[in-house]
Amino acid sequence: MRPLTTLPKAHLHLHFTGSMRHGTLIELAERDGVHLPSALVEEWPPQLSAADEKGWFRFQRLYDVARSVLRTEGDVRRLVREAAEDDLADGCVWTEIQVDPSGYAAKFGGVTAFTDLVIDAVRDASASTGLGMSVIIAANRTRHPLDARTLARLAGQYAGRGVHGFGLSNDERRGDTAAFGPAFRIADRAGLVLAPHGGELRGPDHVRQCLTHLAPHRLGHGVRAAEDPRLLETIANAGIGLEVCPASNVSLGVYATIDEVPVRELMAAGVEVALGADDPLLFGTRLAGQYALLRAAQNFTDEELAELARRSLRASQAPDDLRTAALAGVEAWLAEERGTMAP
């Protein structure tokens, strides 16, 4: 098998705190005496499910505990640098990291100061590793839609200066999707890529709500669209990319096994599918691992995996020259003689 870590690819669905290395979490917690639950220590990666609100609350609580260990500017810079190093080791040429600044503002001098810090950290990490990187600012759908408008304006101020997109995350069963429409129109006027979460914990009807009210260029997850062939056709014809995260889909109970994640169905419909790791800290698998899961569980061939890498690059906001070189790298990977290396 060709090694998956040398297949050029883009990473479009990676959350900020969720990108942290497990070892870094442990080290920072010990430094400041932060008590970590057993699910983040000896029972890591945690057993998760979001089939009900209680399950999602547990997932969110673990995420909040992990976020609490980020105390200093150096911690933020370390997280971003290590995320870049890990993606580079997985064969990434371009990473889009998603962050909600309001979740960190209290410790870092406000949303603007924290956004400045993240953008500067991303710039430094990109320069030191050679990995192309950019930022998506995401609002939280469990908070008031007016907060989302504030973040959309903030994202617009940084458009073309380290920020390229605007998203909407957290439990998609919460909040009124239509109420976030004005925030997405603000971001759209600023020229940002619109990439809300949708179609993971809720089905096709919610995907339609996202399309109607948020006019996305991409959807975080979106896998449940496979349940409605007509909707899937609409997504493909509109060129809306889907950021599919197999490991998190199974961990959160969307599907029982990797076998059930409908990646082939999405690809067959002509959708630009980009695999993502979502929150490696909580799901235990980074980007190359998503490709390896499909190879092992669904018998994806190298040709199919290469096509997934192409689609991730086409759906990305990578500069044209980087994308062209990476696509050529995919063809070179396929041209390599098959070896016996494990993924």
Protein backbone atom coordinates (compact mmCIF):
# COMPACT_ATOMS: atom_id res chain seq x y z
CA MET A 1 0.00 0.00 0.00
CA ARG A 2 1.18 3.50 -0.76
CA PRO A 3 1.84 5.46 2.44
CA LEU A 4 -1.03 7.83 3.16
CA THR A 5 1.24 10.33 4.89
CA THR A 6 2.85 11.20 1.53
CA LEU A 7 -0.46 11.80 -0.26
CA PRO A 8 -0.87 15.60 -0.64
CA LYS A 9 -4.15 16.73 0.87
CA ALA A 10 -5.99 19.67 2.42
CA HIS A 11 -7.49 19.71 5.91
CA LEU A 12 -10.67 21.78 6.03
CA HIS A 13 -12.36 20.68 9.26
CA LEU A 14 -10.15 21.13 12.31
CA HIS A 15 -11.26 22.83 15.51
CA PHE A 16 -8.82 24.92 17.50
CA THR A 17 -8.69 23.30 20.95
CA GLY A 18 -9.59 19.96 19.40
CA SER A 19 -6.34 20.04 17.43
CA MET A 20 -4.26 19.89 20.63
CA ARG A 21 -1.92 16.95 21.15
CA HIS A 22 -2.95 14.71 24.01
CA GLY A 23 0.54 14.94 25.50
CA THR A 24 0.35 18.73 25.44
CA LEU A 25 -2.99 18.66 27.24
CA ILE A 26 -1.52 16.50 30.00
CA GLU A 27 1.60 18.66 30.31
CA LEU A 28 -0.26 21.98 30.50
CA ALA A 29 -2.77 20.59 32.99
CA GLU A 30 0.02 19.34 35.27
CA ARG A 31 1.80 22.69 35.01
CA ASP A 32 -1.17 24.63 36.38
CA GLY A 33 -2.77 21.96 38.56
CA VAL A 34 -5.82 21.56 36.35
CA HIS A 35 -7.73 18.41 37.22
CA LEU A 36 -8.55 16.37 34.12
CA PRO A 37 -11.36 13.81 34.13
CA SER A 38 -10.35 10.19 33.59
CA ALA A 39 -11.83 10.33 30.08
CA LEU A 40 -8.99 12.69 29.15
CA VAL A 41 -6.25 10.76 30.95
CA GLU A 42 -6.23 7.00 31.54
CA GLU A 43 -9.44 6.37 29.55
CA TRP A 44 -8.39 8.49 26.58
CA PRO A 45 -9.69 8.70 23.89
CA PRO A 46 -13.05 9.06 25.62
CA GLN A 47 -16.13 6.99 24.88
CA LEU A 48 -18.56 9.52 23.45
CA SER A 49 -22.06 9.72 22.06
CA ALA A 50 -24.20 12.67 21.03
CA ALA A 51 -27.38 10.69 20.46
CA ASP A 52 -29.07 12.84 23.10
CA GLU A 53 -28.45 16.17 24.83
CA LYS A 54 -26.79 14.46 27.80
CA GLY A 55 -24.23 12.86 25.48
CA TRP A 56 -23.52 16.14 23.75
CA PHE A 57 -23.18 17.90 27.10
CA ARG A 58 -20.51 15.37 28.12
CA PHE A 59 -18.64 15.92 24.85
CA GLN A 60 -18.83 19.70 25.26
CA ARG A 61 -17.72 19.49 28.91
CA LEU A 62 -14.59 17.59 27.90
CA TYR A 63 -13.88 20.18 25.21
CA ASP A 64 -14.29 23.01 27.73
CA VAL A 65 -11.95 21.29 30.19
CA ALA A 66 -9.33 20.97 27.45
CA ARG A 67 -9.74 24.62 26.52
CA SER A 68 -9.17 25.65 30.13
CA VAL A 69 -5.50 24.56 30.04
CA LEU A 70 -4.69 27.28 27.50
CA ARG A 71 -3.52 30.04 29.82
CA THR A 72 -0.76 31.98 28.04
CA GLU A 73 0.18 33.35 24.65
CA GLY A 74 2.88 30.69 24.52
CA ASP A 75 0.25 27.97 24.99
CA VAL A 76 -1.72 29.26 22.00
CA ARG A 77 1.36 29.48 19.82
CA ARG A 78 2.42 25.99 20.86
CA LEU A 79 -1.00 24.53 20.03
CA VAL A 80 -0.99 26.08 16.54
CA ARG A 81 2.61 25.10 15.82
CA GLU A 82 2.05 21.50 16.90
CA ALA A 83 -1.17 21.28 14.90
CA ALA A 84 0.77 22.45 11.85
CA GLU A 85 3.55 19.94 12.49
CA ASP A 86 1.04 17.11 12.87
CA ASP A 87 -0.84 18.00 9.70
CA LEU A 88 2.40 18.33 7.78
CA ALA A 89 3.44 14.87 8.97
CA ASP A 90 0.09 13.57 7.69
CA GLY A 91 0.76 14.87 4.19
CA CYS A 92 -1.18 18.12 4.44
CA VAL A 93 -0.19 21.02 2.25
CA TRP A 94 -3.02 23.31 3.43
CA THR A 95 -4.91 23.52 6.75
CA GLU A 96 -7.90 25.64 7.68
CA ILE A 97 -8.24 25.86 11.46
CA GLN A 98 -11.57 26.92 12.95
CA VAL A 99 -11.92 28.98 16.12
CA ASP A 100 -14.61 30.79 18.09
CA PRO A 101 -12.70 33.72 19.66
CA SER A 102 -15.47 34.40 22.17
CA GLY A 103 -14.64 31.15 23.94
CA TYR A 104 -11.15 32.43 24.78
CA ALA A 105 -11.74 36.18 25.06
CA ALA A 106 -11.93 36.38 28.86
CA LYS A 107 -8.39 35.05 29.31
CA PHE A 108 -6.77 36.81 26.38
CA GLY A 109 -7.97 40.41 26.47
CA GLY A 110 -11.11 40.18 24.34
CA VAL A 111 -12.15 38.73 21.01
CA THR A 112 -10.06 41.09 18.92
CA ALA A 113 -6.87 40.55 20.92
CA PHE A 114 -7.33 36.78 20.80
CA THR A 115 -8.04 36.84 17.07
CA ASP A 116 -4.86 38.86 16.53
CA LEU A 117 -2.93 36.27 18.54
CA VAL A 118 -4.33 33.29 16.61
CA ILE A 119 -3.67 34.89 13.24
CA ASP A 120 -0.12 35.75 14.24
CA ALA A 121 0.43 32.22 15.61
CA VAL A 122 -0.89 30.72 12.36
CA ARG A 123 1.38 33.00 10.33
CA ASP A 124 4.42 31.96 12.39
CA ALA A 125 3.54 28.25 12.29
CA SER A 126 3.07 28.38 8.54
CA ALA A 127 6.42 30.10 8.08
CA SER A 128 8.30 27.69 10.34
CA THR A 129 6.77 24.46 8.96
CA GLY A 130 6.05 25.35 5.34
CA LEU A 131 2.40 24.32 5.72
CA GLY A 132 -0.14 26.66 4.13
CA MET A 133 -2.67 27.77 6.76
CA SER A 134 -5.65 30.05 7.22
CA VAL A 135 -8.37 30.69 9.82
CA ILE A 136 -12.14 30.25 9.90
CA ILE A 137 -13.91 32.28 12.60
CA ALA A 138 -16.94 30.37 13.86
CA ALA A 139 -19.94 31.48 15.88
CA ASN A 140 -21.62 29.27 18.48
CA ARG A 141 -25.21 28.30 17.73
CA THR A 142 -25.97 27.89 21.45
CA ARG A 143 -25.39 31.62 21.92
CA HIS A 144 -27.55 34.54 20.76
CA PRO A 145 -27.58 35.21 17.00
CA LEU A 146 -26.51 38.79 17.72
CA ASP A 147 -23.21 37.38 19.01
CA ALA A 148 -22.81 35.67 15.65
CA ARG A 149 -23.26 39.00 13.87
CA THR A 150 -20.51 40.50 16.03
CA LEU A 151 -18.17 37.66 15.08
CA ALA A 152 -19.13 37.95 11.41
CA ARG A 153 -18.13 41.62 11.44
CA LEU A 154 -14.91 40.71 13.22
CA ALA A 155 -14.15 38.05 10.62
CA GLY A 156 -14.87 40.54 7.86
CA GLN A 157 -12.30 42.95 9.29
CA TYR A 158 -9.65 40.25 8.84
CA ALA A 159 -10.81 39.02 5.43
CA GLY A 160 -7.75 38.45 3.29
CA ARG A 161 -5.50 39.04 6.30
CA GLY A 162 -5.34 35.56 7.76
CA VAL A 163 -9.08 34.85 7.88
CA HIS A 164 -10.90 33.40 4.89
CA GLY A 165 -14.12 31.94 6.28
CA PHE A 166 -17.02 32.15 8.70
CA GLY A 167 -18.68 29.15 10.34
CA LEU A 168 -21.30 28.08 12.87
CA SER A 169 -20.57 25.22 15.26
CA ASN A 170 -21.77 23.37 18.37
CA ASP A 171 -24.90 21.21 18.71
CA GLU A 172 -26.93 21.74 15.52
CA ARG A 173 -30.08 20.65 17.38
CA ARG A 174 -29.89 23.93 19.32
CA GLY A 175 -30.92 27.37 18.17
CA ASP A 176 -32.90 28.60 15.17
CA THR A 177 -30.84 28.24 12.00
CA ALA A 178 -32.77 31.00 10.22
CA ALA A 179 -31.88 33.45 12.99
CA PHE A 180 -28.20 33.16 12.04
CA GLY A 181 -28.88 34.17 8.45
CA PRO A 182 -28.06 37.88 8.98
CA ALA A 183 -24.61 36.97 10.36
CA PHE A 184 -23.88 34.89 7.29
CA ARG A 185 -25.00 37.69 5.00
CA ILE A 186 -22.55 40.00 6.77
CA ALA A 187 -19.76 37.48 6.23
CA ASP A 188 -20.79 36.96 2.61
CA ARG A 189 -20.60 40.69 1.89
CA ALA A 190 -17.05 40.62 3.28
CA GLY A 191 -16.11 37.96 0.73
CA LEU A 192 -15.68 35.13 3.24
CA VAL A 193 -16.29 31.46 2.59
CA LEU A 194 -19.42 30.36 4.45
CA ALA A 195 -18.93 27.00 6.18
CA PRO A 196 -21.53 26.24 8.89
CA HIS A 197 -21.96 22.85 10.54
CA GLY A 198 -25.03 20.93 9.43
CA GLY A 199 -26.29 17.50 8.46
CA GLU A 200 -24.55 15.49 11.17
CA LEU A 201 -26.76 15.30 14.26
CA ARG A 202 -29.81 16.34 12.21
CA GLY A 203 -30.93 14.97 8.88
CA PRO A 204 -31.74 16.24 5.38
CA ASP A 205 -34.38 18.73 6.52
CA HIS A 206 -31.79 20.61 8.51
CA VAL A 207 -29.39 20.59 5.59
CA ARG A 208 -32.14 22.28 3.56
CA GLN A 209 -32.50 24.90 6.30
CA CYS A 210 -28.79 25.60 6.10
CA LEU A 211 -28.93 25.93 2.31
CA THR A 212 -31.95 28.23 2.49
CA HIS A 213 -30.92 30.53 5.31
CA LEU A 214 -27.11 30.41 5.40
CA ALA A 215 -26.24 29.95 1.68
CA PRO A 216 -23.09 27.94 2.46
CA HIS A 217 -20.15 27.34 0.16
CA ARG A 218 -19.29 24.29 2.29
CA LEU A 219 -20.99 22.33 5.05
CA GLY A 220 -19.20 21.01 8.10
CA HIS A 221 -20.13 17.32 8.01
CA GLY A 222 -23.24 17.22 5.80
CA VAL A 223 -23.19 13.42 5.65
CA ARG A 224 -26.91 13.06 6.38
CA ALA A 225 -27.63 14.60 2.98
CA ALA A 226 -26.93 11.12 1.61
CA GLU A 227 -30.35 10.11 2.93
CA ASP A 228 -32.06 12.25 0.26
CA PRO A 229 -30.85 11.73 -3.35
CA ARG A 230 -32.57 14.90 -4.60
CA LEU A 231 -30.92 16.99 -1.90
CA LEU A 232 -27.58 15.40 -2.69
CA GLU A 233 -28.03 16.34 -6.33
CA THR A 234 -28.75 19.92 -5.30
CA ILE A 235 -25.56 20.05 -3.23
CA ALA A 236 -23.47 18.60 -6.04
CA ASN A 237 -24.92 20.96 -8.67
CA ALA A 238 -24.31 23.96 -6.41
CA GLY A 239 -20.68 22.95 -5.86
CA ILE A 240 -21.11 22.87 -2.08
CA GLY A 241 -18.26 20.96 -0.46
CA LEU A 242 -18.84 18.58 2.47
CA GLU A 243 -16.27 18.29 5.24
CA VAL A 244 -16.71 14.65 6.26
CA CYS A 245 -15.17 13.40 9.51
CA PRO A 246 -15.60 9.60 9.70
CA ALA A 247 -14.05 9.03 13.13
CA SER A 248 -16.14 11.68 14.84
CA ASN A 249 -19.31 10.50 13.06
CA VAL A 250 -18.86 7.10 14.69
CA SER A 251 -17.65 8.40 18.06
CA LEU A 252 -20.71 10.66 18.38
CA GLY A 253 -23.12 7.92 17.36
CA VAL A 254 -24.19 9.29 13.99
CA TYR A 255 -23.19 5.92 12.52
CA ALA A 256 -22.49 2.69 14.35
CA THR A 257 -19.37 1.82 12.34
CA ILE A 258 -17.02 3.34 9.81
CA ASP A 259 -18.56 1.00 7.23
CA GLU A 260 -21.75 3.05 7.36
CA VAL A 261 -20.26 6.50 6.73
CA PRO A 262 -21.55 7.23 3.19
CA VAL A 263 -18.37 8.63 1.65
CA ARG A 264 -18.69 6.62 -1.58
CA GLU A 265 -22.33 7.69 -2.01
CA LEU A 266 -21.36 11.33 -1.63
CA MET A 267 -18.50 10.99 -4.10
CA ALA A 268 -20.66 9.12 -6.62
CA ALA A 269 -23.12 12.03 -6.53
CA GLY A 270 -20.34 14.38 -7.58
CA VAL A 271 -19.93 16.14 -4.23
CA GLU A 272 -16.56 17.66 -3.36
CA VAL A 273 -15.84 15.62 -0.23
CA ALA A 274 -12.98 16.70 2.04
CA LEU A 275 -12.06 14.39 4.90
CA GLY A 276 -11.43 16.08 8.24
CA ALA A 277 -10.28 15.04 11.70
CA ASP A 278 -12.69 17.41 13.53
CA ASP A 279 -11.24 17.16 17.08
CA PRO A 280 -8.29 14.75 17.18
CA LEU A 281 -7.88 15.41 20.89
CA LEU A 282 -11.29 13.89 21.62
CA PHE A 283 -11.61 11.37 18.80
CA GLY A 284 -8.05 10.06 18.84
CA THR A 285 -7.45 10.14 15.08
CA ARG A 286 -5.75 12.76 12.92
CA LEU A 287 -6.21 13.42 9.22
CA ALA A 288 -4.21 10.58 7.67
CA GLY A 289 -6.12 8.31 10.03
CA GLN A 290 -9.39 9.24 8.33
CA TYR A 291 -8.00 8.01 5.01
CA ALA A 292 -6.65 4.89 6.72
CA LEU A 293 -10.06 4.14 8.23
CA LEU A 294 -11.70 4.17 4.79
CA ARG A 295 -8.91 2.03 3.38
CA ALA A 296 -9.32 -0.54 6.15
CA ALA A 297 -13.09 -0.51 6.74
CA GLN A 298 -14.46 0.27 3.28
CA ASN A 299 -11.66 -1.11 1.11
CA PHE A 300 -10.99 2.24 -0.53
CA THR A 301 -8.41 1.83 -3.27
CA ASP A 302 -5.44 4.14 -3.67
CA GLU A 303 -7.18 5.64 -6.71
CA GLU A 304 -10.25 6.44 -4.59
CA LEU A 305 -8.14 7.90 -1.79
CA ALA A 306 -6.26 10.03 -4.32
CA GLU A 307 -9.60 11.32 -5.61
CA LEU A 308 -10.58 12.27 -2.06
CA ALA A 309 -7.32 14.20 -1.75
CA ARG A 310 -8.03 15.99 -5.05
CA ARG A 311 -11.49 16.96 -3.88
CA SER A 312 -10.15 18.28 -0.58
CA LEU A 313 -7.75 20.50 -2.49
CA ARG A 314 -10.42 21.73 -4.91
CA ALA A 315 -12.78 22.55 -2.02
CA SER A 316 -10.09 24.44 -0.11
CA GLN A 317 -9.12 28.09 -0.12
CA ALA A 318 -5.49 27.23 -0.85
CA PRO A 319 -3.73 29.66 -3.24
CA ASP A 320 -3.89 28.59 -6.87
CA ASP A 321 -0.18 27.85 -7.16
CA LEU A 322 -0.19 25.69 -4.03
CA ARG A 323 -3.28 23.80 -5.20
CA THR A 324 -1.81 23.19 -8.66
CA ALA A 325 1.43 21.85 -7.22
CA ALA A 326 -0.44 19.65 -4.74
CA LEU A 327 -2.69 18.19 -7.44
CA ALA A 328 0.42 17.31 -9.41
CA GLY A 329 1.75 15.70 -6.25
CA VAL A 330 -1.35 13.52 -6.03
CA GLU A 331 -0.68 12.24 -9.54
CA ALA A 332 2.95 11.59 -8.63
CA TRP A 333 1.79 9.63 -5.56
CA LEU A 334 -0.41 7.46 -7.75
CA ALA A 335 2.42 6.93 -10.20
CA GLU A 336 4.64 5.51 -7.45
CA GLU A 337 5.04 1.76 -7.45
CA ARG A 338 2.99 0.11 -4.75
CA GLY A 339 5.03 -0.83 -1.71
CA THR A 340 4.34 -2.73 1.47
CA MET A 341 4.33 0.20 3.90
CA ALA A 342 1.49 0.42 6.38
CA PRO A 343 -0.61 3.61 6.40
